[in-house]
Amino acid sequence: MNESTIKHIDDLGATVVITHRIRGDKQNEYERWLNEIAPLCKAAPGHLDWHIVRPIPGLTETFTVVIRFDSKEHLRQWMGSKERTDLISKVEPLLVTGDDFFISSGLDFWFTPAEARARIPVRWKQYLLTWSAIYPLAVAVPMAVVPVLKKFGTSDNSLLNTLVVTGVVVFLMVYLVMPRYTRLVQRWLFS
């Protein structure tokens, strides 16, 4: 790969996915900490976007923060900045585990367990795994969701039906199916 190609790839931006598992009684303190770090991150050079996926009360304790930058260099600068380092030290007593993060490209974050951040399985295995997970969902979810939508009088609106069905499929893939499925087949996936 030549320098021009590397520069072009870098120009496509970079995303970091950060997961923080919070102690059960510390979620309010963590929310206050998010309000402290968010403006600093958003003011960092190259910042593009910031999303928080909050835990489901009673089910999970994990906050996921997805941050996009315009380049890997700007992302590295933010992740290694003194401001972030100081704030991570401040939040660590609230965390069950440490400051877990990885830089993702496309759907690779589904396939990269925390203990193997640098390892990404070959694309054909990603393809087979994703296809084998999506197919049953693509068959089952419409059978479950469309009758519910009919009760609300939307049965003739195929665009709305498709929007809701695909939303449910993606939700299930990201939050339920892929995290468990990749752990189940991890040995094959990374062999």
Protein backbone atom coordinates (compact mmCIF):
# COMPACT_ATOMS: atom_id res chain seq x y z
CA MET A 1 0.00 0.00 0.00
CA ASN A 2 1.51 3.34 -0.98
CA GLU A 3 1.43 6.55 1.06
CA SER A 4 -1.38 8.02 -1.08
CA THR A 5 -3.61 4.99 -0.45
CA ILE A 6 -2.92 5.09 3.29
CA LYS A 7 -3.73 8.82 3.35
CA HIS A 8 -7.01 8.16 1.47
CA ILE A 9 -8.01 5.43 3.96
CA ASP A 10 -7.14 7.73 6.84
CA ASP A 11 -9.29 10.47 5.27
CA LEU A 12 -12.31 8.17 5.54
CA GLY A 13 -12.33 8.75 9.28
CA ALA A 14 -12.01 6.60 12.33
CA THR A 15 -14.44 5.34 14.94
CA VAL A 16 -13.81 4.23 18.49
CA VAL A 17 -16.26 2.08 20.42
CA ILE A 18 -15.83 2.44 24.18
CA THR A 19 -17.58 0.17 26.66
CA HIS A 20 -17.79 0.95 30.35
CA ARG A 21 -19.43 -1.52 32.68
CA ILE A 22 -20.69 0.55 35.60
CA ARG A 23 -21.15 -0.53 39.20
CA GLY A 24 -24.89 -0.81 39.87
CA ASP A 25 -25.13 2.11 42.29
CA LYS A 26 -22.85 4.43 40.30
CA GLN A 27 -24.85 5.12 37.12
CA ASN A 28 -25.90 8.65 38.16
CA GLU A 29 -22.28 9.53 38.92
CA TYR A 30 -21.25 8.09 35.54
CA GLU A 31 -23.89 10.22 33.77
CA ARG A 32 -22.41 13.31 35.45
CA TRP A 33 -18.95 12.21 34.29
CA LEU A 34 -20.28 11.84 30.71
CA ASN A 35 -21.52 15.43 30.90
CA GLU A 36 -17.99 16.46 31.87
CA ILE A 37 -16.08 14.53 29.17
CA ALA A 38 -18.52 15.01 26.26
CA PRO A 39 -17.86 18.74 25.66
CA LEU A 40 -14.10 18.17 25.74
CA CYS A 41 -14.33 15.32 23.24
CA LYS A 42 -16.67 17.27 20.97
CA ALA A 43 -14.22 20.20 21.00
CA ALA A 44 -11.26 17.99 20.06
CA PRO A 45 -9.80 18.52 16.57
CA GLY A 46 -11.50 16.35 13.96
CA HIS A 47 -14.48 15.30 16.11
CA LEU A 48 -17.48 14.36 13.95
CA ASP A 49 -20.02 12.50 16.05
CA TRP A 50 -20.78 11.17 19.55
CA HIS A 51 -23.41 8.56 20.46
CA ILE A 52 -24.20 6.92 23.78
CA VAL A 53 -26.01 3.61 24.10
CA ARG A 54 -27.23 3.47 27.67
CA PRO A 55 -27.80 0.24 29.60
CA ILE A 56 -31.24 -1.30 29.81
CA PRO A 57 -32.35 -0.88 33.45
CA GLY A 58 -32.38 -4.18 35.29
CA LEU A 59 -30.72 -6.03 32.39
CA THR A 60 -27.34 -4.47 31.67
CA GLU A 61 -24.78 -2.25 33.35
CA THR A 62 -22.81 -1.31 30.23
CA PHE A 63 -22.62 2.09 28.60
CA THR A 64 -21.33 2.09 25.03
CA VAL A 65 -19.95 5.31 23.61
CA VAL A 66 -19.31 5.52 19.86
CA ILE A 67 -17.16 8.45 18.76
CA ARG A 68 -16.22 9.32 15.19
CA PHE A 69 -13.30 11.47 14.08
CA ASP A 70 -12.29 12.67 10.64
CA SER A 71 -8.94 10.83 10.78
CA LYS A 72 -7.14 8.16 12.75
CA GLU A 73 -4.57 10.74 13.78
CA HIS A 74 -7.21 13.00 15.38
CA LEU A 75 -8.75 9.97 17.07
CA ARG A 76 -5.35 8.93 18.45
CA GLN A 77 -4.74 12.47 19.69
CA TRP A 78 -8.04 12.49 21.60
CA MET A 79 -7.63 8.98 23.03
CA GLY A 80 -4.12 9.84 24.26
CA SER A 81 -4.88 13.37 25.40
CA LYS A 82 -4.15 14.53 28.93
CA GLU A 83 -7.79 15.64 29.34
CA ARG A 84 -9.12 12.18 28.51
CA THR A 85 -6.44 10.41 30.55
CA ASP A 86 -7.26 12.53 33.61
CA LEU A 87 -11.01 11.96 33.22
CA ILE A 88 -10.55 8.21 32.78
CA SER A 89 -8.58 8.15 36.05
CA LYS A 90 -11.45 10.00 37.67
CA VAL A 91 -14.13 7.55 36.43
CA GLU A 92 -12.25 4.28 37.09
CA PRO A 93 -13.69 3.82 40.63
CA LEU A 94 -17.17 3.70 39.05
CA LEU A 95 -16.23 0.94 36.60
CA VAL A 96 -16.52 -2.81 37.12
CA THR A 97 -13.87 -3.33 34.45
CA GLY A 98 -11.44 -0.86 32.92
CA ASP A 99 -11.68 1.56 30.03
CA ASP A 100 -12.34 -0.94 27.24
CA PHE A 101 -12.19 0.42 23.72
CA PHE A 102 -11.33 -0.54 20.20
CA ILE A 103 -11.20 1.17 16.85
CA SER A 104 -13.66 -0.33 14.42
CA SER A 105 -14.03 -0.45 10.67
CA GLY A 106 -17.41 -1.35 9.28
CA LEU A 107 -18.92 -4.34 11.09
CA ASP A 108 -15.56 -5.60 12.37
CA PHE A 109 -16.46 -4.63 15.95
CA TRP A 110 -18.94 -7.53 16.01
CA PHE A 111 -16.09 -9.95 15.42
CA THR A 112 -13.38 -8.58 17.69
CA PRO A 113 -13.58 -9.75 21.30
CA ALA A 114 -12.15 -7.36 23.89
CA GLU A 115 -9.26 -9.69 24.69
CA ALA A 116 -8.23 -9.84 21.01
CA ARG A 117 -8.59 -6.21 19.94
CA ALA A 118 -6.07 -6.45 17.12
CA ARG A 119 -7.41 -9.70 15.66
CA ILE A 120 -10.10 -9.58 12.99
CA PRO A 121 -11.29 -12.78 11.34
CA VAL A 122 -11.04 -13.30 7.60
CA ARG A 123 -13.88 -11.74 5.62
CA TRP A 124 -15.37 -15.03 4.36
CA LYS A 125 -15.87 -16.18 7.95
CA GLN A 126 -17.47 -12.83 8.83
CA TYR A 127 -19.75 -13.26 5.83
CA LEU A 128 -20.82 -16.81 6.73
CA LEU A 129 -21.36 -15.95 10.38
CA THR A 130 -23.39 -12.82 9.60
CA TRP A 131 -25.46 -14.57 6.95
CA SER A 132 -26.19 -17.52 9.24
CA ALA A 133 -27.35 -15.11 11.95
CA ILE A 134 -29.41 -12.81 9.73
CA TYR A 135 -31.25 -15.52 7.77
CA PRO A 136 -33.28 -16.93 10.69
CA LEU A 137 -33.99 -13.40 11.91
CA ALA A 138 -35.10 -12.32 8.43
CA VAL A 139 -37.55 -15.25 8.40
CA ALA A 140 -38.79 -15.11 12.01
CA VAL A 141 -38.97 -11.39 12.79
CA PRO A 142 -41.52 -10.52 10.07
CA MET A 143 -43.72 -13.38 11.28
CA ALA A 144 -43.68 -11.87 14.77
CA VAL A 145 -43.69 -8.15 13.97
CA VAL A 146 -46.08 -7.80 11.02
CA PRO A 147 -49.10 -9.24 12.92
CA VAL A 148 -48.47 -6.74 15.70
CA LEU A 149 -48.28 -3.92 13.16
CA LYS A 150 -51.58 -5.14 11.62
CA LYS A 151 -53.24 -4.61 14.98
CA PHE A 152 -52.20 -0.96 14.69
CA GLY A 153 -53.62 -0.73 11.16
CA THR A 154 -50.34 -0.51 9.27
CA SER A 155 -50.56 -3.81 7.40
CA ASP A 156 -50.83 -2.10 4.00
CA ASN A 157 -47.79 0.09 4.53
CA SER A 158 -44.90 -2.07 3.31
CA LEU A 159 -42.34 0.72 3.83
CA LEU A 160 -43.28 1.07 7.50
CA ASN A 161 -43.37 -2.71 7.95
CA THR A 162 -39.90 -3.00 6.41
CA LEU A 163 -38.59 -0.13 8.53
CA VAL A 164 -39.79 -1.74 11.77
CA VAL A 165 -38.72 -5.28 10.80
CA THR A 166 -35.21 -4.20 9.79
CA GLY A 167 -34.92 -2.09 12.94
CA VAL A 168 -35.79 -5.12 15.07
CA VAL A 169 -33.39 -7.37 13.12
CA VAL A 170 -30.49 -4.92 13.52
CA PHE A 171 -31.27 -4.43 17.22
CA LEU A 172 -31.27 -8.19 17.78
CA MET A 173 -28.07 -8.63 15.76
CA VAL A 174 -26.12 -5.91 17.59
CA TYR A 175 -27.35 -6.42 21.16
CA LEU A 176 -28.32 -10.07 21.46
CA VAL A 177 -27.28 -12.37 18.62
CA MET A 178 -23.78 -11.37 17.49
CA PRO A 179 -22.16 -10.84 20.90
CA ARG A 180 -23.26 -14.33 21.97
CA TYR A 181 -22.84 -16.01 18.60
CA THR A 182 -19.27 -14.77 18.11
CA ARG A 183 -18.34 -16.02 21.59
CA LEU A 184 -19.90 -19.40 20.77
CA VAL A 185 -17.91 -19.86 17.54
CA GLN A 186 -14.84 -17.88 18.57
CA ARG A 187 -12.42 -20.80 18.16
CA TRP A 188 -13.55 -21.41 14.52
CA LEU A 189 -13.82 -17.70 13.76
CA PHE A 190 -10.22 -16.92 14.74
CA SER A 191 -8.60 -20.15 13.55
